[in-house]
Amino acid sequence: MSKKRIGALVDLLRKNKIGALLVTKPENIFYLTGFTSTRIMLAVNAKKSFAVTDFIYAEAASKTLKRHGIDVYIADCKSSPEKIISSTLNKYRVKGLGIESHSMNLDHFQKLKGSLKKTHLVLTAGIVESLREIKDAGEIRSLKKAIGVTADTFKSVKMMLRPKTTEAELARSIKVIFIKNGADGSSFEPIVAGQPAASQPHYIPSLSKLGNNNAILLDIGCKLSGYNSDLTRMCSLGKITPKFVKLYAVLLEAQRRAIEHVKPGVKICDIDHEARQYIESKGLGRFFGHNTGHGIGLEIHEHPSVSSTNVNTLKEGMVFTVEPGIYIPGYGGLRIEDVIMVTRNGRKVLTHDIDKSI
């Protein structure tokens, strides 16, 4: 799989007339090699790919990368990473080196630029990420496993809802339950928000009690074998007001319309439009201010962005969330989030069996 992915990357580099790409984003390195570390750089080119790391990761990197045909160089006080990269690129006569501009800091860039006298640096963005947009069968299996753990965790959490429990207490419990259920950890800090605090889309759980006759927004996700899940559901404690029930019905219909529009060839912005237009038709447009969704995989937020400005088309194998929301300051907020996979002729909701009732 690594050879196939690196081969696809080499084809992209040739298409963009880039001699080599220095991959520094950990998720991209993991995608290409299966190795994870924040202290490694991977140079990919048509002639030979090589990695540079330090003593701490020397043994682990060598075991993983060399079996994929990737040479591993160890930087030390006598030979800096930049010098190793420069000399190796010169050996393979690479004239242009692409830099992942979103993952390399300025200090590192300046050091690299100072060492590469014979190589032109090219700032790039989203090259490996464009490959990651389309999930293969193994990635889909990993995503489904993470979603399965999330489904089990959500069931447990619903049973733990108590009026006197605080938001922060429940958020801490969610992280523990994820681990108990087999996850490596949470993908992000869980959001537990009662009303009216849920009007803040990325609310930080407080010491406020959940209370009775209240609707609780739960946004949770876990990481398992490198892949993430993401789920938002509304839960109730006691009776919910008729107004809130009507708002929830609007949100459910907006999400349903967006999901039903998912199929190969459709513009991604049209998915956003379907949800947004319906919410606007109910006079609530000003209360829905974020994108309708985001890609999910090795990162909790990745390509494609399901936004009003993304004119790219859906392709089989894309996986993303559809999560419209309504947030009314002083009153409260609600959001529903599912993970959708684009299939050959339509779509599959990977979170379809997770209860949405309030």
Protein backbone atom coordinates (compact mmCIF):
# COMPACT_ATOMS: atom_id res chain seq x y z
CA MET A 1 0.00 0.00 0.00
CA SER A 2 2.84 2.43 0.81
CA LYS A 3 4.48 1.81 -2.58
CA LYS A 4 1.15 2.42 -4.30
CA ARG A 5 0.54 5.66 -2.43
CA ILE A 6 4.08 6.93 -2.96
CA GLY A 7 3.75 6.02 -6.65
CA ALA A 8 0.55 8.08 -6.88
CA LEU A 9 2.34 10.99 -5.20
CA VAL A 10 5.25 10.74 -7.65
CA ASP A 11 2.76 10.93 -10.52
CA LEU A 12 1.29 14.10 -9.02
CA LEU A 13 4.74 15.63 -8.63
CA ARG A 14 5.53 14.92 -12.27
CA LYS A 15 2.22 16.46 -13.30
CA ASN A 16 3.05 19.59 -11.31
CA LYS A 17 6.70 19.57 -12.51
CA ILE A 18 8.11 19.29 -8.98
CA GLY A 19 11.29 17.25 -8.64
CA ALA A 20 10.62 16.08 -5.07
CA LEU A 21 8.35 16.81 -2.13
CA LEU A 22 9.55 17.16 1.44
CA VAL A 23 6.70 15.73 3.51
CA THR A 24 6.67 17.08 7.07
CA LYS A 25 3.03 16.79 8.14
CA PRO A 26 2.78 13.74 10.47
CA GLU A 27 -0.56 12.60 9.05
CA ASN A 28 0.83 12.69 5.51
CA ILE A 29 3.92 10.71 6.52
CA PHE A 30 1.70 8.13 8.22
CA TYR A 31 -0.51 7.91 5.13
CA LEU A 32 2.47 7.30 2.86
CA THR A 33 4.53 5.00 5.10
CA GLY A 34 2.56 3.79 8.13
CA PHE A 35 5.13 5.42 10.42
CA THR A 36 4.08 8.06 12.91
CA SER A 37 6.34 10.65 14.51
CA THR A 38 6.66 14.42 14.73
CA ARG A 39 10.46 14.20 14.33
CA ILE A 40 10.86 12.91 10.82
CA MET A 41 10.94 14.34 7.30
CA LEU A 42 10.21 12.30 4.20
CA ALA A 43 11.55 13.30 0.78
CA VAL A 44 9.68 11.68 -2.10
CA ASN A 45 10.92 11.73 -5.67
CA ALA A 46 10.83 9.45 -8.69
CA LYS A 47 14.39 8.14 -8.28
CA LYS A 48 14.52 7.39 -4.56
CA SER A 49 12.58 8.31 -1.45
CA PHE A 50 14.42 8.87 1.81
CA ALA A 51 13.67 9.98 5.36
CA VAL A 52 15.62 11.97 7.93
CA THR A 53 15.07 11.51 11.65
CA ASP A 54 17.15 11.58 14.86
CA PHE A 55 18.61 9.05 17.26
CA ILE A 56 15.42 8.75 19.31
CA TYR A 57 13.41 7.36 16.38
CA ALA A 58 16.27 5.78 14.43
CA GLU A 59 15.46 2.14 15.19
CA ALA A 60 11.68 2.43 14.82
CA ALA A 61 11.93 4.42 11.58
CA SER A 62 14.44 2.03 10.06
CA LYS A 63 12.27 -1.02 10.81
CA THR A 64 9.18 0.52 9.23
CA LEU A 65 10.57 2.52 6.34
CA LYS A 66 13.35 0.32 4.99
CA ARG A 67 10.94 -2.48 4.20
CA HIS A 68 9.17 -0.02 1.91
CA GLY A 69 12.43 0.74 0.10
CA ILE A 70 12.89 4.10 1.83
CA ASP A 71 16.40 4.97 2.96
CA VAL A 72 16.71 6.36 6.49
CA TYR A 73 19.33 8.93 7.50
CA ILE A 74 20.06 9.89 11.10
CA ALA A 75 20.78 13.53 11.90
CA ASP A 76 23.16 14.37 14.74
CA CYS A 77 25.37 17.22 15.98
CA LYS A 78 27.77 16.71 13.07
CA SER A 79 25.21 16.40 10.31
CA SER A 80 22.00 18.45 10.49
CA PRO A 81 18.75 17.37 8.80
CA GLU A 82 19.13 20.23 6.34
CA LYS A 83 22.65 19.16 5.31
CA ILE A 84 21.53 15.56 4.84
CA ILE A 85 18.58 16.64 2.70
CA SER A 86 20.79 18.95 0.63
CA SER A 87 23.51 16.38 -0.06
CA THR A 88 21.04 13.59 -0.84
CA LEU A 89 19.00 15.72 -3.24
CA ASN A 90 22.22 16.75 -4.98
CA LYS A 91 23.15 13.08 -5.35
CA TYR A 92 19.86 12.44 -7.15
CA ARG A 93 20.15 15.73 -9.07
CA VAL A 94 16.85 17.11 -7.83
CA LYS A 95 16.51 20.73 -8.91
CA GLY A 96 13.12 21.59 -7.38
CA LEU A 97 11.92 20.65 -3.89
CA GLY A 98 8.32 21.14 -2.82
CA ILE A 99 7.69 22.23 0.76
CA GLU A 100 4.45 21.55 2.64
CA SER A 101 3.90 25.22 3.44
CA HIS A 102 1.14 24.61 6.02
CA SER A 103 3.24 22.30 8.20
CA MET A 104 6.74 23.82 8.14
CA ASN A 105 7.55 26.76 10.41
CA LEU A 106 9.49 29.77 9.14
CA ASP A 107 12.62 29.02 11.18
CA HIS A 108 12.95 25.53 9.70
CA PHE A 109 12.24 26.87 6.23
CA GLN A 110 15.03 29.45 6.52
CA LYS A 111 17.53 26.79 7.67
CA LEU A 112 16.56 24.54 4.79
CA LYS A 113 16.80 27.38 2.30
CA GLY A 114 20.27 28.23 3.57
CA SER A 115 21.48 24.65 3.06
CA LEU A 116 19.96 24.04 -0.37
CA LYS A 117 22.22 26.04 -2.63
CA LYS A 118 21.51 24.04 -5.78
CA THR A 119 17.83 23.27 -5.21
CA HIS A 120 14.91 25.60 -5.81
CA LEU A 121 12.25 25.54 -3.08
CA VAL A 122 8.59 25.44 -4.17
CA LEU A 123 5.84 26.22 -1.68
CA THR A 124 3.01 23.71 -2.03
CA ALA A 125 -0.27 23.01 -0.27
CA GLY A 126 -2.61 20.04 -0.28
CA ILE A 127 -0.71 17.66 -2.57
CA VAL A 128 -0.75 14.60 -0.32
CA GLU A 129 -4.09 15.72 1.10
CA SER A 130 -5.62 15.50 -2.38
CA LEU A 131 -4.72 11.80 -2.41
CA ARG A 132 -6.14 11.35 1.08
CA GLU A 133 -9.53 12.70 -0.03
CA ILE A 134 -10.36 9.33 -1.57
CA LYS A 135 -10.43 6.59 1.07
CA ASP A 136 -9.48 3.02 0.12
CA ALA A 137 -11.10 -0.13 1.54
CA GLY A 138 -8.65 -0.35 4.45
CA GLU A 139 -9.29 3.24 5.47
CA ILE A 140 -13.04 2.72 5.32
CA ARG A 141 -12.69 -0.28 7.63
CA SER A 142 -10.67 1.81 10.07
CA LEU A 143 -13.23 4.61 10.00
CA LYS A 144 -16.06 2.16 10.59
CA LYS A 145 -14.25 0.70 13.60
CA ALA A 146 -13.81 4.17 15.11
CA ILE A 147 -17.47 4.93 14.44
CA GLY A 148 -18.46 1.63 16.07
CA VAL A 149 -16.61 2.57 19.24
CA THR A 150 -18.27 5.98 19.15
CA ALA A 151 -21.72 4.41 18.80
CA ASP A 152 -21.11 2.20 21.84
CA THR A 153 -19.77 5.15 23.80
CA PHE A 154 -22.76 7.32 22.92
CA LYS A 155 -25.15 4.65 24.20
CA SER A 156 -23.28 4.55 27.50
CA VAL A 157 -23.22 8.33 27.79
CA LYS A 158 -26.97 8.66 27.21
CA MET A 159 -27.56 6.35 30.16
CA MET A 160 -25.33 8.54 32.35
CA LEU A 161 -27.27 11.78 31.84
CA ARG A 162 -28.33 13.12 35.23
CA PRO A 163 -29.62 16.60 36.16
CA LYS A 164 -26.96 17.09 38.86
CA THR A 165 -24.04 15.96 36.67
CA THR A 166 -21.92 18.85 35.40
CA GLU A 167 -20.93 19.30 31.77
CA ALA A 168 -17.25 18.98 32.66
CA GLU A 169 -17.81 15.76 34.61
CA LEU A 170 -19.60 14.17 31.69
CA ALA A 171 -16.92 15.33 29.25
CA ARG A 172 -14.23 13.66 31.38
CA SER A 173 -16.30 10.47 31.56
CA ILE A 174 -16.64 10.37 27.79
CA LYS A 175 -12.87 10.28 27.37
CA VAL A 176 -12.58 7.43 29.86
CA ILE A 177 -15.33 5.43 28.20
CA PHE A 178 -13.65 5.78 24.82
CA ILE A 179 -10.51 4.18 26.21
CA LYS A 180 -12.48 1.42 27.92
CA ASN A 181 -14.24 0.69 24.62
CA GLY A 182 -10.95 0.21 22.80
CA ALA A 183 -10.15 3.61 21.32
CA ASP A 184 -6.68 5.14 21.48
CA GLY A 185 -8.28 8.31 22.85
CA SER A 186 -10.61 11.16 21.98
CA SER A 187 -10.21 12.89 18.62
CA PHE A 188 -10.91 16.21 20.32
CA GLU A 189 -12.13 17.53 23.64
CA PRO A 190 -15.77 16.36 23.93
CA ILE A 191 -18.41 19.07 23.75
CA VAL A 192 -21.15 18.77 26.37
CA ALA A 193 -23.43 21.79 26.24
CA GLY A 194 -26.73 22.42 27.94
CA GLN A 195 -29.04 25.25 26.96
CA PRO A 196 -28.57 28.16 26.46
CA ALA A 197 -24.78 27.59 26.33
CA ALA A 198 -25.12 25.35 23.25
CA SER A 199 -25.57 28.47 21.14
CA GLN A 200 -21.74 28.49 21.08
CA PRO A 201 -20.82 25.91 18.36
CA HIS A 202 -17.48 24.96 19.97
CA TYR A 203 -18.50 25.45 23.56
CA ILE A 204 -16.10 24.40 26.34
CA PRO A 205 -17.88 22.30 29.02
CA SER A 206 -18.22 24.15 32.31
CA LEU A 207 -19.14 23.35 35.91
CA SER A 208 -22.80 24.03 35.08
CA LYS A 209 -25.13 21.15 35.90
CA LEU A 210 -27.05 19.51 33.06
CA GLY A 211 -30.30 20.31 34.83
CA ASN A 212 -33.81 19.02 34.28
CA ASN A 213 -36.12 19.81 31.33
CA ASN A 214 -33.08 20.61 29.23
CA ALA A 215 -31.65 19.60 25.85
CA ILE A 216 -27.99 18.60 25.82
CA LEU A 217 -25.70 18.87 22.81
CA LEU A 218 -23.07 16.11 22.69
CA ASP A 219 -20.25 16.34 20.13
CA ILE A 220 -17.86 13.40 20.55
CA GLY A 221 -15.30 11.46 18.54
CA CYS A 222 -12.48 9.00 19.03
CA LYS A 223 -9.21 8.04 17.39
CA LEU A 224 -8.49 4.40 16.60
CA SER A 225 -5.47 3.13 14.63
CA GLY A 226 -4.88 6.64 13.34
CA TYR A 227 -8.42 7.28 12.09
CA ASN A 228 -11.08 9.52 13.61
CA SER A 229 -14.81 9.54 14.20
CA ASP A 230 -17.08 12.52 14.76
CA LEU A 231 -20.68 12.55 15.98
CA THR A 232 -23.10 15.16 17.26
CA ARG A 233 -26.45 14.32 18.80
CA MET A 234 -29.05 16.12 20.89
CA CYS A 235 -30.25 14.43 24.08
CA SER A 236 -33.00 15.47 26.48
CA LEU A 237 -33.40 15.48 30.24
CA GLY A 238 -37.07 15.83 31.10
CA LYS A 239 -39.49 17.75 28.89
CA ILE A 240 -38.38 19.79 25.86
CA THR A 241 -40.33 22.90 24.88
CA PRO A 242 -42.49 22.84 21.72
CA LYS A 243 -40.30 25.58 20.24
CA PHE A 244 -37.19 23.44 20.60
CA VAL A 245 -38.96 20.43 19.09
CA LYS A 246 -39.90 22.55 16.04
CA LEU A 247 -36.31 23.79 15.66
CA TYR A 248 -35.05 20.24 15.86
CA ALA A 249 -37.50 19.15 13.14
CA VAL A 250 -36.19 21.93 10.88
CA LEU A 251 -32.63 20.81 11.49
CA LEU A 252 -33.42 17.15 10.81
CA GLU A 253 -35.06 18.02 7.51
CA ALA A 254 -32.19 20.30 6.49
CA GLN A 255 -29.71 17.52 7.15
CA ARG A 256 -31.87 14.94 5.37
CA ARG A 257 -32.05 17.11 2.24
CA ALA A 258 -28.28 17.63 2.23
CA ILE A 259 -27.53 13.93 2.67
CA GLU A 260 -30.02 12.90 -0.03
CA HIS A 261 -28.16 15.15 -2.46
CA VAL A 262 -24.86 13.29 -2.00
CA LYS A 263 -23.69 11.29 -5.04
CA PRO A 264 -20.68 11.28 -7.39
CA GLY A 265 -20.49 14.25 -9.73
CA VAL A 266 -22.45 16.66 -7.53
CA LYS A 267 -20.73 19.92 -6.63
CA ILE A 268 -19.72 19.93 -2.98
CA CYS A 269 -21.11 23.44 -2.52
CA ASP A 270 -24.55 22.10 -3.51
CA ILE A 271 -24.57 19.91 -0.38
CA ASP A 272 -24.03 23.00 1.74
CA HIS A 273 -26.70 24.83 -0.27
CA GLU A 274 -29.33 22.14 0.34
CA ALA A 275 -29.04 22.42 4.12
CA ARG A 276 -28.56 26.18 4.21
CA GLN A 277 -31.45 26.98 1.86
CA TYR A 278 -33.94 24.99 3.91
CA ILE A 279 -32.87 26.61 7.18
CA GLU A 280 -33.08 30.02 5.52
CA SER A 281 -36.58 29.22 4.21
CA LYS A 282 -37.70 28.88 7.84
CA GLY A 283 -36.33 32.33 8.69
CA LEU A 284 -33.35 30.92 10.59
CA GLY A 285 -30.52 31.49 8.13
CA ARG A 286 -28.72 34.02 10.30
CA PHE A 287 -28.40 31.36 13.01
CA PHE A 288 -26.40 28.94 10.84
CA GLY A 289 -22.99 30.47 10.26
CA HIS A 290 -20.51 27.60 9.79
CA ASN A 291 -19.83 25.15 6.96
CA THR A 292 -22.16 22.19 6.57
CA GLY A 293 -19.38 19.64 7.01
CA HIS A 294 -15.77 18.56 6.68
CA GLY A 295 -13.74 15.61 5.51
CA ILE A 296 -12.67 13.11 8.14
CA GLY A 297 -9.93 10.49 8.24
CA LEU A 298 -6.43 10.76 9.67
CA GLU A 299 -7.43 14.26 10.78
CA ILE A 300 -10.68 15.20 12.41
CA HIS A 301 -10.98 18.08 9.93
CA GLU A 302 -9.54 17.46 6.47
CA HIS A 303 -10.43 17.74 2.79
CA PRO A 304 -13.01 18.08 1.41
CA SER A 305 -14.61 21.06 3.12
CA VAL A 306 -18.38 20.95 2.66
CA SER A 307 -18.78 24.68 2.19
CA SER A 308 -20.59 27.17 -0.02
CA THR A 309 -17.35 27.97 -1.85
CA ASN A 310 -16.09 24.45 -2.66
CA VAL A 311 -16.97 23.95 -6.34
CA ASN A 312 -15.15 20.61 -6.64
CA THR A 313 -17.28 17.56 -7.33
CA LEU A 314 -17.96 14.57 -5.13
CA LYS A 315 -16.07 11.37 -5.95
CA GLU A 316 -16.56 7.79 -4.87
CA GLY A 317 -14.58 7.12 -1.70
CA MET A 318 -14.88 10.59 -0.19
CA VAL A 319 -15.91 10.59 3.47
CA PHE A 320 -17.18 13.69 5.23
CA THR A 321 -19.61 14.96 7.84
CA VAL A 322 -22.94 16.65 7.26
CA GLU A 323 -23.69 18.75 10.35
CA PRO A 324 -25.99 21.74 9.99
CA GLY A 325 -26.77 23.69 13.14
CA ILE A 326 -29.01 26.40 14.54
CA TYR A 327 -27.52 28.69 17.19
CA ILE A 328 -29.64 31.40 18.79
CA PRO A 329 -27.73 33.56 21.31
CA GLY A 330 -29.52 33.76 24.64
CA TYR A 331 -31.83 30.87 23.75
CA GLY A 332 -29.68 27.88 22.85
CA GLY A 333 -28.28 25.78 20.05
CA LEU A 334 -28.61 22.44 18.34
CA ARG A 335 -26.61 20.45 15.79
CA ILE A 336 -26.91 17.02 14.18
CA GLU A 337 -23.83 15.38 12.67
CA ASP A 338 -23.44 12.20 10.63
CA VAL A 339 -20.53 10.74 8.66
CA ILE A 340 -21.26 10.12 4.97
CA MET A 341 -19.36 8.01 2.44
CA VAL A 342 -19.78 8.60 -1.28
CA THR A 343 -20.49 5.33 -3.07
CA ARG A 344 -20.49 4.44 -6.77
CA ASN A 345 -24.12 5.48 -7.26
CA GLY A 346 -24.95 7.52 -4.19
CA ARG A 347 -24.05 7.55 -0.54
CA LYS A 348 -23.90 5.53 2.67
CA VAL A 349 -24.47 7.05 6.09
CA LEU A 350 -21.85 5.38 8.27
CA THR A 351 -23.54 6.62 11.45
CA HIS A 352 -27.12 5.81 10.34
CA ASP A 353 -27.92 3.48 13.24
CA ILE A 354 -27.00 5.94 16.00
CA ASP A 355 -30.19 7.23 17.62
CA LYS A 356 -31.29 10.78 16.73
CA SER A 357 -34.41 10.93 18.86
CA ILE A 358 -34.78 13.52 21.60
